[in-house]
Protein backbone atom coordinates (compact mmCIF):
# COMPACT_ATOMS: atom_id res chain seq x y z
CA MET A 1 7.80 6.79 -16.85
CA ALA A 2 5.51 9.21 -15.06
CA MET A 3 4.89 10.48 -11.78
CA ARG A 4 1.36 9.79 -11.29
CA GLU A 5 -1.30 11.96 -9.39
CA ILE A 6 -1.99 10.41 -5.96
CA ARG A 7 -5.82 9.56 -5.34
CA THR A 8 -7.14 10.87 -1.97
CA VAL A 9 -9.67 9.62 0.53
CA GLY A 10 -13.04 9.73 -1.07
CA ASP A 11 -12.19 8.36 -4.09
CA PRO A 12 -14.50 5.55 -5.08
CA VAL A 13 -10.97 3.69 -6.67
CA LEU A 14 -9.55 3.31 -3.24
CA ARG A 15 -12.78 1.76 -1.82
CA THR A 16 -12.74 -0.89 -4.77
CA PRO A 17 -10.76 -4.54 -4.12
CA CYS A 18 -8.38 -4.69 -7.12
CA ASP A 19 -8.37 -7.23 -9.90
CA PRO A 20 -5.54 -9.87 -10.34
CA ILE A 21 -3.11 -9.29 -13.15
CA THR A 22 -3.92 -12.23 -15.51
CA THR A 23 -1.78 -11.01 -18.61
CA ILE A 24 1.59 -9.28 -18.31
CA ASP A 25 1.55 -6.65 -21.34
CA ASP A 26 2.41 -3.30 -22.03
CA ARG A 27 0.00 -1.49 -19.90
CA VAL A 28 0.95 -3.90 -16.90
CA ARG A 29 4.68 -2.71 -17.38
CA ALA A 30 3.68 0.85 -17.96
CA LEU A 31 2.31 0.62 -14.46
CA VAL A 32 4.88 -0.84 -12.58
CA GLU A 33 7.21 1.74 -14.26
CA ASP A 34 4.83 4.45 -12.97
CA LEU A 35 4.47 2.96 -9.44
CA LEU A 36 8.28 2.82 -9.03
CA GLU A 37 8.84 6.59 -10.36
CA THR A 38 5.81 7.91 -8.39
CA VAL A 39 7.04 5.93 -5.06
CA ASP A 40 10.99 6.85 -5.46
CA HIS A 41 10.63 10.13 -3.33
CA ASP A 42 11.72 11.01 0.13
CA GLY A 43 8.72 10.35 2.57
CA ARG A 44 6.79 7.82 0.54
CA ALA A 45 7.06 4.11 1.70
CA GLY A 46 4.81 2.20 -0.54
CA LEU A 47 2.30 2.86 -3.15
CA ALA A 48 -0.71 0.69 -4.62
CA ALA A 49 -1.67 0.69 -8.10
CA ASN A 50 -5.48 1.89 -6.99
CA GLN A 51 -3.61 5.03 -5.38
CA ILE A 52 -2.74 5.98 -8.90
CA GLY A 53 -6.27 5.01 -10.36
CA VAL A 54 -5.41 1.94 -11.89
CA SER A 55 -7.64 -1.19 -10.20
CA LEU A 56 -5.13 -3.94 -10.67
CA ARG A 57 -3.34 -6.17 -7.86
CA ALA A 58 0.43 -4.22 -7.73
CA PHE A 59 2.43 -2.36 -5.43
CA SER A 60 5.54 -0.68 -5.18
CA TRP A 61 7.71 0.04 -2.27
CA ASN A 62 10.55 2.37 -1.13
CA ILE A 63 12.16 1.11 2.01
CA ASP A 64 15.71 1.77 3.48
CA ASP A 65 17.02 3.01 -0.21
CA GLU A 66 15.42 -0.28 -1.58
CA VAL A 67 12.90 0.34 -4.15
CA GLY A 68 10.57 -2.80 -5.62
CA TYR A 69 7.38 -4.09 -6.68
CA VAL A 70 5.33 -6.89 -6.81
CA LEU A 71 2.24 -8.06 -8.86
CA ASN A 72 -0.68 -10.08 -7.47
CA PRO A 73 0.57 -9.87 -3.62
CA VAL A 74 -0.56 -12.41 -1.18
CA ILE A 75 0.35 -12.26 2.63
CA VAL A 76 1.05 -15.27 3.41
CA GLU A 77 2.77 -15.06 6.80
CA MET A 78 2.51 -12.46 9.67
CA SER A 79 3.81 -12.69 13.21
CA GLU A 80 1.20 -13.95 15.62
CA ASP A 81 2.62 -12.88 18.97
CA GLU A 82 4.51 -9.82 18.15
CA TYR A 83 3.25 -6.54 17.46
CA GLN A 84 4.07 -3.11 16.55
CA ASP A 85 1.73 0.05 17.49
CA GLY A 86 2.95 3.27 16.02
CA ASP A 87 1.63 6.31 13.79
CA GLU A 88 1.07 5.04 10.30
CA GLY A 89 -0.12 7.85 7.07
CA CYS A 90 -0.93 7.47 4.08
CA LEU A 91 -0.20 9.22 0.73
CA SER A 92 -3.77 8.88 0.06
CA VAL A 93 -4.75 10.33 3.55
CA PRO A 94 -2.70 13.18 3.17
CA GLY A 95 -0.83 15.07 6.52
CA LEU A 96 -2.62 12.71 8.79
CA TRP A 97 -0.78 10.34 11.07
CA TYR A 98 -2.92 7.92 13.74
CA PRO A 99 -1.73 5.06 15.80
CA THR A 100 -2.02 1.82 13.98
CA HIS A 101 -1.71 -1.90 14.86
CA ARG A 102 0.25 -4.05 12.61
CA ALA A 103 1.91 -7.38 12.86
CA TRP A 104 5.56 -6.92 13.30
CA TYR A 105 6.57 -9.44 10.78
CA ALA A 106 5.11 -10.03 7.40
CA ARG A 107 5.87 -12.16 4.45
CA VAL A 108 4.07 -11.40 0.84
CA VAL A 109 4.54 -13.64 -2.20
CA GLY A 110 3.40 -12.80 -5.72
CA THR A 111 5.18 -12.45 -9.39
CA ASP A 112 7.79 -10.09 -11.05
CA LEU A 113 7.05 -8.91 -14.78
CA ASP A 114 8.66 -12.15 -16.09
CA GLY A 115 5.88 -14.25 -14.17
CA LYS A 116 8.34 -15.33 -11.69
CA GLU A 117 7.64 -15.75 -8.06
CA VAL A 118 8.73 -12.90 -5.71
CA VAL A 119 9.23 -13.08 -1.97
CA VAL A 120 8.99 -9.95 -0.17
CA GLU A 121 9.40 -9.86 3.67
CA GLY A 122 10.66 -7.98 6.61
CA THR A 123 9.89 -6.56 10.07
CA GLU A 124 9.03 -3.36 11.38
CA LEU A 125 8.78 -0.61 8.70
CA MET A 126 8.64 -3.32 5.55
CA ALA A 127 6.07 -5.34 7.64
CA ARG A 128 4.17 -2.58 7.91
CA CYS A 129 4.05 -0.94 4.57
CA LEU A 130 3.08 -4.95 3.13
CA GLN A 131 0.19 -5.15 5.35
CA HIS A 132 -0.75 -1.53 4.42
CA GLU A 133 -0.27 -2.06 0.77
CA VAL A 134 -2.35 -5.13 0.45
CA ASP A 135 -4.96 -3.89 2.37
CA HIS A 136 -5.12 -0.84 -0.38
CA LEU A 137 -5.35 -3.64 -3.01
CA ASP A 138 -8.24 -5.13 -1.03
CA GLY A 139 -10.05 -1.62 -1.01
CA LEU A 140 -9.11 -0.89 2.62
CA LEU A 141 -7.44 2.02 4.38
CA TYR A 142 -5.63 2.29 7.42
CA LEU A 143 -8.30 4.38 8.78
CA ASP A 144 -10.09 0.85 8.70
CA ARG A 145 -8.05 -0.35 11.34
CA LEU A 146 -8.07 2.47 14.04
CA GLU A 147 -9.52 2.12 17.22
CA ARG A 148 -13.12 3.65 17.10
CA SER A 149 -12.47 6.56 18.96
CA VAL A 150 -9.15 7.07 16.99
CA ARG A 151 -11.29 6.46 13.71
CA LYS A 152 -13.83 9.05 14.89
CA LYS A 153 -11.15 12.02 15.38
CA ALA A 154 -9.49 11.14 12.10
CA MET A 155 -12.83 11.10 9.98
CA ARG A 156 -13.67 14.75 11.75
CA ALA A 157 -9.72 15.87 10.80
CA ILE A 158 -10.56 14.32 7.12
CA ARG A 159 -13.85 16.27 6.74
CA GLU A 160 -11.68 19.90 8.19
CA GLN A 161 -9.28 19.31 5.26
CA LEU A 162 -12.02 19.05 2.49
């Protein structure tokens, strides 16, 4: 296992939709180990494969002392009438937090390394994490979900960091 470097905003891998995992081989097993190792630190809620430079559909999470992963995740359900509006951050956009509108509940279906179906669901922080990480795998950043005026402020802050 290896702690991997986090790619930051501006890296094209973050804007490229990830490919589905079609074969579970040693490369995919190593990816999962790296995702789990890299997310398992204080202040890290989730990590998508493209955030460590691998354009495959996989992510890990670290919520409420539970660390896990899912391959080929698909959001199959989100609350339609309950939302949360809270500050959201991202390892790929270091040091910046902005109010982001998300569903209060989300459920993701994918597979594990044995090819068995995995269902991950939750409310509040877990729901936010699931939505955030699937967005990453689709080539989106949480910045894309910000209200226009807030997004302008965020982009200005990012330019100032460079």
